[in-house]
Every structure is written in structure tokens, then in C-alpha cells.
Protein backbone atom coordinates (compact mmCIF):
# COMPACT_ATOMS: atom_id res chain seq x y z
CA MET A 1 6.09 3.04 9.11
CA ALA A 2 8.56 0.95 7.10
CA GLU A 3 8.74 -2.82 7.52
CA ARG A 4 11.72 -5.00 6.63
CA GLN A 5 12.12 -8.72 7.32
CA PHE A 6 14.31 -10.08 4.53
CA GLU A 7 17.16 -11.88 6.28
CA SER A 8 15.95 -15.41 5.60
CA LEU A 9 13.16 -17.33 3.92
CA GLU A 10 13.07 -19.59 6.98
CA ARG A 11 13.49 -17.31 10.01
CA ARG A 12 11.17 -14.37 10.15
CA VAL A 13 12.17 -11.02 11.61
CA ILE A 14 9.90 -7.98 11.42
CA ARG A 15 11.69 -4.65 11.71
CA THR A 16 9.74 -1.42 11.76
CA SER A 17 10.64 2.24 12.04
CA ILE A 18 8.07 4.51 13.69
CA ASP A 19 6.71 7.35 11.57
CA TRP A 20 4.43 10.25 12.51
CA SER A 21 1.34 8.01 12.75
CA GLY A 22 2.87 5.94 15.55
CA ALA A 23 4.79 8.58 17.49
CA GLY A 24 3.34 9.25 20.95
CA GLN A 25 1.55 5.90 21.28
CA ARG A 26 2.30 3.29 23.93
CA LEU A 27 4.29 0.38 22.53
CA ASP A 28 1.70 -2.26 23.46
CA GLU A 29 -1.21 -0.21 22.08
CA TYR A 30 0.70 0.51 18.88
CA LEU A 31 1.38 -3.19 18.32
CA ALA A 32 -2.24 -4.15 19.01
CA GLY A 33 -3.50 -1.48 16.63
CA ARG A 34 -0.99 -2.16 13.86
CA PHE A 35 -0.89 -5.96 14.04
CA THR A 36 -4.48 -6.86 14.79
CA TYR A 37 -3.99 -10.63 14.67
CA ARG A 38 -3.04 -10.43 18.37
CA SER A 39 -4.99 -8.73 21.18
CA LEU A 40 -3.54 -6.12 23.55
CA PRO A 41 -2.97 -8.68 26.38
CA GLU A 42 -1.34 -11.06 23.90
CA TRP A 43 1.09 -8.38 22.76
CA ARG A 44 1.97 -7.63 26.36
CA ASP A 45 2.73 -11.33 26.80
CA ARG A 46 4.96 -11.25 23.70
CA ILE A 47 6.85 -8.25 25.07
CA ALA A 48 7.30 -10.02 28.42
CA ALA A 49 8.55 -13.14 26.59
CA GLY A 50 11.34 -11.12 24.96
CA GLU A 51 9.99 -11.36 21.40
CA ILE A 52 9.93 -7.56 21.03
CA MET A 53 13.01 -5.34 21.02
CA LEU A 54 12.90 -1.53 20.95
CA ASN A 55 16.08 0.19 19.78
CA GLY A 56 17.98 -2.99 20.62
CA GLU A 57 16.68 -3.32 24.17
CA SER A 58 13.86 -5.14 25.96
CA PRO A 59 11.16 -2.49 26.45
CA ASP A 60 8.36 -1.82 28.90
CA PRO A 61 4.88 -2.20 27.34
CA SER A 62 3.96 1.35 28.43
CA ARG A 63 6.96 2.97 26.73
CA LEU A 64 5.84 5.92 24.58
CA LEU A 65 7.13 5.63 21.03
CA GLU A 66 9.15 8.39 19.42
CA LEU A 67 9.74 9.23 15.77
CA HIS A 68 12.24 6.81 14.15
CA ASP A 69 12.18 4.34 17.06
CA ARG A 70 13.15 0.87 15.81
CA ILE A 71 11.02 -2.15 16.72
CA GLU A 72 12.15 -5.73 16.10
CA TYR A 73 9.69 -8.61 16.41
CA PHE A 74 10.80 -12.24 16.32
CA PRO A 75 7.56 -14.18 15.82
CA GLY A 76 7.10 -17.90 15.78
CA ASP A 77 4.94 -19.56 13.17
CA LEU A 78 1.82 -17.55 12.38
CA LEU A 79 -1.26 -18.84 10.63
CA GLU A 80 -1.29 -16.85 7.40
CA PRO A 81 -4.54 -15.68 5.77
CA GLU A 82 -5.32 -16.91 2.28
CA ALA A 83 -3.93 -14.86 -0.62
CA LEU A 84 -3.88 -14.93 -4.42
CA LEU A 85 -0.47 -16.35 -5.31
CA ASP A 86 -0.78 -16.43 -9.11
CA TYR A 87 1.41 -13.47 -10.10
CA ARG A 88 2.48 -13.05 -13.74
CA VAL A 89 5.93 -12.17 -15.08
CA ALA A 90 5.06 -9.45 -17.59
CA TRP A 91 8.65 -8.71 -18.66
CA GLU A 92 12.07 -10.13 -17.79
CA ASP A 93 15.76 -9.97 -18.66
CA ASP A 94 18.97 -10.93 -16.87
CA SER A 95 18.72 -8.13 -14.29
CA LEU A 96 15.07 -7.11 -14.00
CA LEU A 97 11.53 -8.42 -13.65
CA VAL A 98 8.27 -6.57 -14.17
CA ILE A 99 5.58 -8.41 -12.22
CA ASP A 100 1.82 -8.23 -12.73
CA LYS A 101 0.42 -8.75 -9.23
CA PRO A 102 -3.11 -9.94 -8.35
CA GLY A 103 -5.33 -7.84 -6.10
CA ASN A 104 -5.01 -9.86 -2.87
CA LEU A 105 -1.27 -10.36 -2.41
CA CYS A 106 1.09 -8.47 -0.12
CA VAL A 107 4.27 -7.28 -1.79
CA HIS A 108 6.49 -7.37 1.32
CA PRO A 109 6.02 -9.45 4.47
CA SER A 110 3.63 -7.57 6.73
CA GLY A 111 1.51 -8.51 9.74
CA PRO A 112 0.58 -12.20 9.48
CA PHE A 113 1.77 -12.43 5.87
CA PHE A 114 5.20 -13.94 5.19
CA ARG A 115 5.14 -16.89 2.80
CA HIS A 116 1.98 -15.51 1.19
CA THR A 117 3.84 -12.49 -0.21
CA LEU A 118 5.26 -11.58 -3.59
CA TRP A 119 8.72 -11.14 -2.02
CA TYR A 120 8.72 -14.70 -0.67
CA LEU A 121 7.41 -16.19 -3.91
CA LEU A 122 10.00 -14.40 -6.05
CA CYS A 123 12.93 -15.12 -3.70
CA SER A 124 11.95 -18.79 -3.58
CA LYS A 125 12.18 -18.97 -7.37
CA TYR A 126 14.94 -16.50 -8.30
CA GLY A 127 17.09 -16.14 -5.19
CA LYS A 128 17.41 -12.81 -3.44
CA ILE A 129 15.15 -10.27 -5.16
CA HIS A 130 15.07 -6.50 -4.57
CA LEU A 131 11.62 -4.96 -5.00
CA VAL A 132 12.06 -1.48 -6.49
CA ASN A 133 8.55 -0.22 -5.79
CA ARG A 134 5.58 -1.52 -3.87
CA LEU A 135 1.82 -1.69 -4.14
CA ASP A 136 -0.80 -2.02 -1.41
CA ARG A 137 -1.98 -5.57 -0.84
CA GLU A 138 -5.33 -4.88 -2.51
CA THR A 139 -3.86 -2.93 -5.46
CA SER A 140 -3.27 -5.06 -8.54
CA GLY A 141 -0.91 -4.55 -11.45
CA LEU A 142 2.68 -3.82 -12.35
CA LEU A 143 5.77 -3.32 -10.23
CA ILE A 144 9.52 -3.69 -10.78
CA ALA A 145 11.87 -6.20 -9.12
CA ALA A 146 15.66 -6.26 -9.56
CA LYS A 147 17.86 -9.34 -9.47
CA ASN A 148 20.84 -7.51 -8.00
CA PRO A 149 21.22 -4.63 -5.51
CA ARG A 150 23.13 -2.32 -7.87
CA VAL A 151 20.31 -2.20 -10.42
CA ALA A 152 17.76 -1.82 -7.61
CA ALA A 153 19.68 1.14 -6.18
CA LEU A 154 19.80 2.90 -9.55
CA LEU A 155 16.09 2.43 -10.26
CA GLY A 156 15.23 3.46 -6.71
CA LYS A 157 16.82 6.90 -7.06
CA ASN A 158 14.35 9.79 -7.12
CA SER A 159 16.20 11.16 -10.15
CA TRP A 160 15.74 7.96 -12.17
CA PRO A 161 12.74 8.39 -14.50
CA VAL A 162 10.03 5.78 -13.90
CA HIS A 163 6.63 6.68 -15.35
CA LYS A 164 3.62 4.96 -13.75
CA GLU A 165 -0.05 4.97 -14.64
CA TYR A 166 -3.01 3.60 -12.70
CA LEU A 167 -6.65 2.94 -13.39
CA ALA A 168 -9.19 3.50 -10.62
CA LEU A 169 -12.92 2.91 -10.24
CA VAL A 170 -14.46 5.74 -8.23
CA PHE A 171 -17.89 6.67 -6.95
CA GLY A 172 -19.50 9.59 -8.80
CA ARG A 173 -19.28 11.14 -12.23
CA PHE A 174 -15.65 12.08 -12.95
CA ASP A 175 -15.78 13.84 -16.32
CA SER A 176 -13.04 16.50 -16.27
CA ALA A 177 -9.25 16.31 -16.06
CA VAL A 178 -7.67 17.52 -12.81
CA ASP A 179 -4.08 18.53 -12.11
CA ALA A 180 -4.02 17.77 -8.37
CA ARG A 181 -0.96 19.73 -7.26
CA GLY A 182 -0.63 20.52 -3.57
CA PHE A 183 0.07 18.65 -0.35
CA LEU A 184 -0.81 15.47 1.49
CA VAL A 185 -1.30 16.01 5.22
CA GLN A 186 -2.64 14.02 8.14
CA ASP A 187 -6.45 14.01 8.14
CA SER A 188 -7.05 15.54 11.57
CA GLY A 189 -10.78 14.89 11.27
CA SER A 190 -10.32 11.14 10.97
CA ALA A 191 -10.34 8.57 13.76
CA VAL A 192 -7.58 6.72 11.88
CA ARG A 193 -4.16 8.24 12.58
CA LYS A 194 -2.55 7.11 9.32
CA LYS A 195 -5.30 8.54 7.11
CA ARG A 196 -4.25 11.44 4.89
CA LYS A 197 -6.00 14.13 2.89
CA PHE A 198 -5.00 16.17 -0.14
CA VAL A 199 -5.15 19.96 -0.25
CA PHE A 200 -4.49 22.21 -3.24
CA GLY A 201 -2.07 25.11 -2.98
CA GLY A 202 1.47 26.37 -3.11
CA ARG A 203 1.84 26.22 0.66
CA PRO A 204 0.64 23.61 3.15
CA PRO A 205 -2.14 24.55 5.59
CA GLU A 206 -0.95 26.20 8.77
CA GLY A 207 -0.49 23.67 11.55
CA ALA A 208 -0.74 20.66 9.22
CA VAL A 209 0.99 17.43 10.31
CA ALA A 210 3.00 15.00 8.17
CA VAL A 211 3.16 17.39 5.21
CA GLU A 212 4.41 16.12 1.84
CA SER A 213 4.18 17.83 -1.53
CA SER A 214 2.08 15.87 -4.01
CA ARG A 215 1.01 15.98 -7.63
CA THR A 216 -1.32 13.59 -9.46
CA LEU A 217 -2.65 14.06 -12.98
CA LEU A 218 -6.18 12.66 -13.25
CA GLU A 219 -8.30 12.21 -16.35
CA PRO A 220 -11.62 10.50 -17.06
CA VAL A 221 -11.54 7.28 -19.07
CA ARG A 222 -15.17 6.25 -18.79
CA PRO A 223 -17.42 8.64 -16.85
CA GLY A 224 -20.62 7.19 -15.46
CA ASP A 225 -23.53 8.50 -13.45
CA THR A 226 -22.67 6.36 -10.42
CA VAL A 227 -19.21 4.93 -11.13
CA SER A 228 -16.36 6.29 -13.26
CA LEU A 229 -13.12 4.84 -14.56
CA VAL A 230 -10.23 7.28 -13.98
CA ARG A 231 -6.61 7.28 -15.14
CA ALA A 232 -4.08 8.54 -12.56
CA ARG A 233 -0.51 9.58 -13.30
CA PRO A 234 1.37 10.26 -10.05
CA GLU A 235 4.20 12.77 -10.49
CA THR A 236 5.32 12.15 -6.90
CA GLY A 237 5.42 8.89 -4.97
CA ARG A 238 3.70 9.45 -1.61
CA LEU A 239 1.96 7.05 0.74
CA HIS A 240 -1.71 6.59 -0.26
CA GLN A 241 -1.28 9.39 -2.82
CA ILE A 242 -3.89 8.35 -5.39
CA ARG A 243 -6.41 7.03 -2.88
CA ALA A 244 -6.19 10.07 -0.60
CA THR A 245 -6.28 12.53 -3.50
CA LEU A 246 -9.37 11.04 -5.15
CA PHE A 247 -11.10 10.78 -1.77
CA SER A 248 -10.37 14.43 -0.99
CA LEU A 249 -11.72 15.49 -4.38
CA GLY A 250 -15.00 13.73 -3.63
CA TYR A 251 -14.39 10.55 -5.66
CA PRO A 252 -13.58 7.70 -3.25
CA LEU A 253 -12.49 4.36 -4.68
CA LEU A 254 -14.86 1.43 -4.77
CA GLY A 255 -13.85 -1.21 -2.23
CA ASP A 256 -11.58 1.10 -0.25
CA LYS A 257 -12.10 0.53 3.48
CA LEU A 258 -10.09 3.58 4.57
CA TYR A 259 -10.59 6.11 1.74
CA GLY A 260 -13.95 4.79 0.61
CA PRO A 261 -17.50 5.88 1.43
CA ASP A 262 -17.28 5.10 5.17
CA GLU A 263 -14.02 4.93 7.15
CA SER A 264 -15.78 3.22 10.07
CA ILE A 265 -15.56 0.04 7.97
CA PHE A 266 -11.77 0.19 8.34
CA LEU A 267 -12.13 0.35 12.13
CA LYS A 268 -14.53 -2.61 12.11
CA ILE A 269 -12.00 -4.84 10.34
CA ARG A 270 -9.93 -5.12 13.51
CA SER A 271 -12.83 -6.68 15.43
CA ASN A 272 -14.26 -8.67 12.50
CA ALA A 273 -17.42 -6.58 12.75
CA VAL A 274 -17.87 -5.76 9.04
CA THR A 275 -21.52 -6.29 8.09
CA ALA A 276 -23.32 -7.18 4.88
CA GLU A 277 -24.46 -3.55 4.67
CA ASP A 278 -20.83 -2.41 4.89
CA ARG A 279 -19.92 -4.70 2.01
CA ARG A 280 -22.82 -3.32 0.01
CA LYS A 281 -21.49 0.21 0.51
CA LEU A 282 -18.05 -0.82 -0.72
CA VAL A 283 -19.50 -2.57 -3.81
CA LEU A 284 -16.22 -4.46 -4.37
CA PRO A 285 -14.31 -6.68 -1.91
CA ARG A 286 -10.99 -4.89 -2.58
CA GLN A 287 -9.92 -1.35 -3.44
CA ALA A 288 -10.41 -0.66 -7.15
CA LEU A 289 -6.90 0.46 -8.06
CA HIS A 290 -4.74 -1.11 -10.78
CA SER A 291 -1.16 -0.30 -11.84
CA CYS A 292 -1.71 -0.49 -15.60
CA ARG A 293 1.50 0.89 -17.13
CA ILE A 294 5.20 1.29 -16.28
CA VAL A 295 7.76 3.00 -18.50
CA PHE A 296 11.42 3.36 -17.52
CA ARG A 297 14.95 3.58 -18.91
CA HIS A 298 16.85 0.35 -18.35
CA PRO A 299 19.80 1.10 -16.01
CA GLU A 300 22.15 -1.21 -17.95
CA SER A 301 21.12 -1.13 -21.61
CA GLY A 302 19.73 2.41 -21.58
CA LYS A 303 16.75 1.23 -23.62
CA CYS A 304 13.19 2.31 -22.88
CA VAL A 305 11.11 -0.46 -21.32
CA GLU A 306 7.32 -0.14 -21.65
CA VAL A 307 4.97 -2.65 -20.01
CA ASP A 308 1.15 -2.57 -19.91
CA SER A 309 -1.40 -4.55 -17.92
CA PRO A 310 -5.12 -4.64 -18.78
CA LEU A 311 -7.77 -4.22 -16.11
CA PRO A 312 -8.34 -7.54 -14.35
CA PRO A 313 -11.83 -9.05 -14.65
CA ASP A 314 -12.88 -8.00 -11.13
CA LEU A 315 -12.42 -4.30 -12.10
CA ASP A 316 -13.66 -4.46 -15.70
CA LEU A 317 -16.89 -2.50 -16.07
CA LYS A 318 -17.71 -4.55 -19.16
CA ASN A 319 -17.76 -7.70 -17.05
CA PRO A 320 -21.44 -8.50 -16.30
CA ASP A 321 -20.41 -10.10 -13.01
CA MET A 322 -19.48 -6.66 -11.69
CA GLY A 323 -23.16 -5.94 -11.14
CA ILE A 324 -22.67 -2.17 -10.82
CA TYR A 325 -25.18 -1.09 -13.43
């Protein structure tokens, strides 16, 4: 599902397009499951109040969603959760920014987050900013932002070369390089509809849903008996690609509620039922994934831009506060 709400820094509009994970669900149940800061009855009240539009019309709460349906939500003021707002400008010129993002900051407005997002912070300082790529809220590190739409469109083309590298902390001993070439498909064995799994092969499994080709080059950086540091070079840009691939290979990320050691923790988040034992299983409070390097050809000067970001302290195995060993 894609979310867009960029019309104004003052008036918030959430626009979503339904993907395979939402198709077939009731509208009210989809909203309650996707935006957990309101209960099912509360979402029904919002629909009745005219705050929700479906394909430009006022919908019935029981309406079954179809692929590519468009939802618009016009919320009032929402109490936003705390976030880390101290991003770093790692590189800048007249048309581009490379931002080093902390590990608890949404890139785009999503759910209850609006002002506590990288998009809002950058637009407040620079004017309208176009984010070329995105990272999950809990993923730290580098991403590109353009100061004008033309440059953003060029960098956003699939044919434009942008090389990205990530560092990940995973459970288990990862001591051999892996060329993970195959497909990402819906994990039919999971209770979470949006969860994916990676499968090797030249053809997708028969009957698989939400199939996308995928390739990730993985290599050990620091193998350990219980925790390993892994470098990931995604050759494709798919949703949850690195997390789902490492999970499927038997090396889930530390701190990952969905692709970590126990997906039931992800389900507990909605009801605030996460326990101390759950946190112990995760080891870290956020998923241990960091965008450590971006290399691209500048769309105006043609020069090669290379930017690196070291592991932040909360993911540094040499930091004694990690308490892993």
C-alpha cells in the first residue's frame, strides 16, 4: 500500500492505494488493522462522519476493498508518538540532499506520524522536498532527497544507477556469502497478510501470491556464534527485501517484530501486549538494519557521488552497552 499526504504542512491528507495485502478486506477492518491508533468502532465513526472517502465517494464500512482502490482520510489533529528528530545532512548541493536518518523516524507521513517525519522536517527547512527513496521507520542510515521534481524523477527511474549497501545484525552464525536470487512472495503460512518470504529459483512457486523477482548479495562482515554482522547489496528494490530474505534463509534480524524470531510480537503491538520476555527475544528495541552506503551518478553534473554512514552506536557490536556477548 502506498501512502501520500504531501499537499500542505498544515492540512493533513492521507491517501492510500490498496495493494494485494489489503484486497478482499472490509474497509473498516482494513483501517483498524492498518492504523491501530483507532479501534474498529472508532473507525466506523470516522467513516460515518465523512472523514473517509473511497474512490472519491462516501463508502459503507462493510465495503470489500479491491486492488488499487483509493482511500482518502482527512484526520484532525492526532497525538503523535515520540520520534528521533536529529537527522544529519551527509551530503548536499544545489539540487540534492543525502540524509543520514536515525532509527526511530518515519520517512513519509504514516499512521499517527505527520510532523514527526523526515519529510515534514526537510520541507519545513528547505521548502518542498522530493524523497527519492525511503527506509522503514526503524531502519537507520542514508537516503536521497531532491530539491526539485525533475531531478527526483531522473533519480527515481529504474534505469538510473543507484548502488545501495546495508549492514544488518542477524541471529546465528552467518559465515558464507550468498547470492539470493529468486522471488519474494506472500508468506501464506503467516498470520500477517503483508509478510513476505524469499524463495530461490528461476520460476516462482506455483500458486504463489504477490510475486516479485528479487536479488540480494549477502556477505559476512563479522560472523559470531550467536549474532553476525552482514552486508547486504540489494540488486532489486522490493518491499521488505532484505528483511524477508535474511529471515527466509534462517537469519532473522535482531529487533525485527515481523521478520524476527517470533512474529506474534508484531501482532501484540496492536494491543500493547508486548511483554518483557518478548523484548528479551528481540534483543534490540528496533530492527537492526542500517543503510551504510549510497553511490549514484549525479543527474546534473554527471559526477559520481559516494556517501558512507558508519553503524550507529545502538547497532555497534563493539559498544559494551549492546550487551549481546
